[in-house]
Protein backbone atom coordinates (compact mmCIF):
# COMPACT_ATOMS: atom_id res chain seq x y z
CA MET A 1 0.00 0.00 0.00
CA SER A 2 1.40 3.40 -0.95
CA ARG A 3 1.97 5.95 1.74
CA LEU A 4 -0.41 8.88 2.01
CA LEU A 5 2.39 11.30 2.81
CA THR A 6 6.11 11.42 2.26
CA GLU A 7 8.50 11.81 5.16
CA GLU A 8 8.80 15.52 4.45
CA GLN A 9 5.03 15.92 4.38
CA GLU A 10 4.61 13.88 7.58
CA ASP A 11 7.18 16.06 9.30
CA PHE A 12 5.24 19.14 8.20
CA VAL A 13 2.01 17.71 9.66
CA ARG A 14 3.62 16.84 12.98
CA LYS A 15 5.03 20.36 13.31
CA ASN A 16 1.70 22.05 12.51
CA ILE A 17 -0.86 19.66 14.02
CA LYS A 18 -1.46 21.33 17.37
CA GLY A 19 -4.50 23.57 17.59
CA ILE A 20 -5.54 23.07 13.97
CA GLY A 21 -8.60 21.18 12.78
CA ASN A 22 -8.52 18.53 10.07
CA LYS A 23 -10.00 20.74 7.35
CA GLU A 24 -7.59 23.60 7.92
CA LEU A 25 -4.63 21.24 8.21
CA THR A 26 -5.60 19.53 4.95
CA LYS A 27 -5.74 22.88 3.14
CA MET A 28 -2.26 23.75 4.42
CA ILE A 29 -0.81 20.44 3.22
CA ASN A 30 -2.47 20.63 -0.18
CA LYS A 31 -1.32 24.20 -0.71
CA LYS A 32 2.28 23.65 0.36
CA PHE A 33 2.83 20.36 -1.50
CA ASN A 34 0.34 20.83 -4.35
CA LEU A 35 -1.71 17.79 -3.30
CA ASP A 36 -5.38 16.89 -3.43
CA ILE A 37 -5.86 15.07 -0.14
CA GLN A 38 -9.27 14.92 1.61
CA ALA A 39 -9.78 15.93 5.24
CA SER A 40 -11.14 12.42 5.96
CA GLN A 41 -7.81 10.94 4.83
CA ILE A 42 -5.88 13.16 7.20
CA LYS A 43 -8.31 12.29 9.97
CA PHE A 44 -7.67 8.54 9.59
CA TRP A 45 -3.96 9.12 9.09
CA LYS A 46 -3.78 10.94 12.42
CA ARG A 47 -5.90 8.31 14.15
CA ASN A 48 -3.68 5.45 12.95
CA ARG A 49 -0.65 7.24 14.38
CA ARG A 50 -2.44 8.36 17.55
CA LEU A 51 -1.82 11.99 16.77
CA SER A 52 -4.09 14.71 18.11
CA SER A 53 -4.56 18.40 17.46
CA GLY A 54 -5.51 18.95 21.10
CA LEU A 55 -8.91 20.31 20.06
CA ASP A 56 -12.02 18.82 21.68
CA GLY A 57 -14.59 20.06 19.18
CA ARG A 58 -15.80 22.92 21.38
CA TYR A 59 -15.38 26.61 20.61
CA GLN A 60 -12.40 28.08 22.40
CA LYS A 61 -12.60 31.21 24.54
CA GLY A 62 -12.65 34.28 22.29
CA HIS A 63 -13.94 32.33 19.28
CA ILE A 64 -15.97 34.47 16.87
CA PRO A 65 -18.54 32.61 14.75
CA ALA A 66 -18.10 33.04 11.02
CA ASN A 67 -21.72 34.20 10.63
CA LYS A 68 -21.65 36.73 13.48
CA GLY A 69 -23.48 39.90 12.48
CA LYS A 70 -24.66 38.40 9.20
CA HIS A 71 -28.29 38.09 8.28
CA GLN A 72 -29.32 34.49 7.68
CA LYS A 73 -30.85 33.98 4.29
CA VAL A 74 -34.28 32.37 4.53
CA THR A 75 -34.74 29.63 1.97
CA GLY A 76 -37.41 27.02 1.24
CA ARG A 77 -39.84 26.51 4.11
CA MET A 78 -37.51 27.96 6.73
CA GLY A 79 -39.67 31.05 7.01
CA GLU A 80 -42.63 28.95 8.12
CA THR A 81 -40.80 27.43 11.08
CA MET A 82 -38.52 30.26 12.22
CA PHE A 83 -39.52 32.25 15.32
CA LYS A 84 -40.32 35.84 14.53
CA SER A 85 -40.08 38.85 16.81
CA GLY A 86 -42.93 38.67 19.32
CA HIS A 87 -43.67 35.09 18.36
CA ARG A 88 -45.75 33.02 20.78
CA PRO A 89 -45.92 29.22 20.59
CA LYS A 90 -49.28 27.63 19.81
CA ASN A 91 -49.64 26.32 23.36
CA TRP A 92 -49.13 29.77 24.93
CA VAL A 93 -51.83 30.86 27.39
CA PRO A 94 -52.17 34.09 29.40
CA VAL A 95 -51.45 34.53 33.10
CA GLY A 96 -54.49 33.47 35.13
CA THR A 97 -55.23 30.42 32.99
CA ILE A 98 -56.22 27.34 35.00
CA ARG A 99 -55.67 23.81 33.76
CA GLY A 100 -55.32 20.28 35.09
CA LYS A 101 -52.16 18.18 34.97
CA THR A 102 -51.49 14.47 35.04
CA ASP A 103 -51.05 14.47 38.83
CA GLY A 104 -54.76 15.29 39.19
CA TYR A 105 -54.28 18.80 40.57
CA LEU A 106 -55.42 22.08 39.02
CA TYR A 107 -52.73 24.67 38.30
CA LYS A 108 -52.89 28.41 37.65
CA LYS A 109 -50.45 30.29 35.47
CA VAL A 110 -48.87 33.02 37.60
CA LYS A 111 -46.25 34.48 35.23
CA ASN A 112 -44.93 34.31 31.66
CA ASP A 113 -41.19 34.28 32.28
CA GLY A 114 -38.73 32.06 34.11
CA PRO A 115 -38.58 28.24 34.16
CA VAL A 116 -41.78 26.59 32.93
CA LYS A 117 -42.39 24.75 36.22
CA ARG A 118 -42.35 28.08 38.08
CA ARG A 119 -44.82 29.74 35.77
CA TRP A 120 -47.56 27.53 37.17
CA LYS A 121 -48.64 27.05 40.79
CA ALA A 122 -51.10 24.58 42.33
CA LEU A 123 -54.46 26.34 42.56
CA HIS A 124 -55.33 24.90 45.98
CA ARG A 125 -52.10 26.32 47.43
CA ILE A 126 -52.89 29.75 45.96
CA ILE A 127 -56.40 29.74 47.46
CA TRP A 128 -55.14 28.63 50.87
CA GLU A 129 -52.24 31.09 51.02
CA GLU A 130 -54.42 34.03 49.97
CA ALA A 131 -56.78 33.28 52.86
CA LYS A 132 -54.54 31.73 55.53
CA GLY A 133 -50.97 32.73 54.66
CA PRO A 134 -47.93 30.61 53.72
CA ILE A 135 -47.98 26.87 54.31
CA PRO A 136 -45.57 26.12 57.19
CA LYS A 137 -42.57 23.88 56.57
CA GLY A 138 -43.34 20.26 57.40
CA HIS A 139 -47.02 20.64 56.52
CA LYS A 140 -49.24 19.98 53.51
CA LEU A 141 -52.79 20.49 52.30
CA ILE A 142 -55.27 17.65 51.85
CA PHE A 143 -58.68 17.61 50.17
CA LEU A 144 -61.37 16.65 52.68
CA ASP A 145 -63.47 14.82 50.07
CA ARG A 146 -60.39 13.36 48.27
CA ASN A 147 -61.40 15.26 45.09
CA ARG A 148 -58.43 17.29 43.84
CA LYS A 149 -60.69 19.17 41.44
CA ASN A 150 -62.87 20.48 44.28
CA VAL A 151 -60.62 23.45 44.95
CA THR A 152 -62.45 25.47 47.61
CA LEU A 153 -61.15 26.75 50.92
CA SER A 154 -63.80 24.76 52.82
CA ASN A 155 -62.55 21.54 51.22
CA LEU A 156 -58.92 22.04 52.29
CA ALA A 157 -57.22 21.12 55.53
CA LEU A 158 -53.68 21.78 56.72
CA VAL A 159 -51.96 18.81 58.36
CA SER A 160 -48.41 18.00 59.37
CA LEU A 161 -46.47 15.42 57.37
CA GLN A 162 -46.68 13.05 60.36
CA GLU A 163 -50.46 13.48 60.50
CA SER A 164 -50.71 12.94 56.73
CA LEU A 165 -48.75 9.69 57.09
CA GLU A 166 -51.06 8.57 59.90
CA ILE A 167 -54.15 9.44 57.86
CA ASN A 168 -53.01 7.44 54.83
CA ARG A 169 -51.64 4.54 56.86
CA ASN A 170 -54.93 4.05 58.72
CA GLY A 171 -57.36 5.02 55.94
CA LEU A 172 -58.68 8.07 57.77
CA ILE A 173 -59.60 10.09 54.66
CA PHE A 174 -63.02 9.66 53.06
CA SER A 175 -65.17 11.02 50.24
CA ASP A 176 -67.30 12.58 52.98
CA GLY A 177 -65.53 15.70 54.19
CA GLU A 178 -67.03 15.55 57.69
CA LEU A 179 -65.74 12.02 58.19
CA THR A 180 -62.30 13.13 57.04
CA LYS A 181 -62.31 15.91 59.64
CA THR A 182 -62.93 13.25 62.29
CA GLY A 183 -60.14 11.17 60.75
CA ILE A 184 -57.77 14.17 61.00
CA ASN A 185 -58.56 14.55 64.70
CA ILE A 186 -57.86 10.86 65.26
CA ALA A 187 -54.57 11.19 63.38
CA LYS A 188 -53.59 14.19 65.54
CA LEU A 189 -54.27 12.21 68.72
CA ASN A 190 -52.28 9.22 67.42
CA VAL A 191 -49.32 11.44 66.51
CA LYS A 192 -49.35 13.01 70.00
CA LYS A 193 -49.62 9.58 71.62
CA ASN A 194 -46.76 8.19 69.55
CA THR A 195 -44.63 11.27 70.30
CA ARG A 196 -45.19 10.82 74.06
CA LYS A 197 -44.28 7.14 73.81
CA ARG A 198 -41.01 7.96 72.05
CA LYS A 199 -40.16 10.60 74.64
CA SER A 200 -40.94 8.18 77.46
CA ARG A 201 -38.68 5.51 75.93
CA ARG A 202 -35.85 8.03 75.49
CA ASN A 203 -36.19 9.18 79.11
CA LYS A 204 -36.03 5.58 80.37
CA TYR A 205 -32.99 4.92 78.22
CA ASP A 206 -31.25 8.05 79.50
CA LYS A 207 -31.89 7.05 83.12
CA THR A 208 -30.52 3.55 82.66
CA ASN A 209 -27.41 4.86 80.92
């Protein structure tokens, strides 16, 4: 098999390889030695000899794109798909829009900018916070009738995470809101009872140690 490059040409490549991409390096070789080598040939030649330019394919600091400041020519159907100034996607909706999501809750759009997940807020939280203030850390809202679409203040209850766990563990939430209120009271008593038991066990342990 004939060699791609002569010794002189190989020496030239080795001296100029650092920091230069395959296309640019190929142009330099072809111009200096009056050759017609393809960039793909140089690429494989370098690979076979484990030679590297040191480039990782990313733009280096200070790089200026070739098309900076140039107007892109619109051809074919590009104009139909390109965003125009003031463009709004088809699924855009105004602030105040309410819609349901796959988790079963209703959400209200509260702003147009920022991350998508922060543009929407659970409607039941908005209603509660407007009437009662912020939800304390370690607490959550539950729907008294288990219907997440029934977003009214009278259908919401604030419980601690421990109480919520007790409610779900013992099936103390019902489709009847009044029964759920009773279930919440039972859960509160159970949490207090369990807390006292833990404190009592800790005190006994401390005394024996």
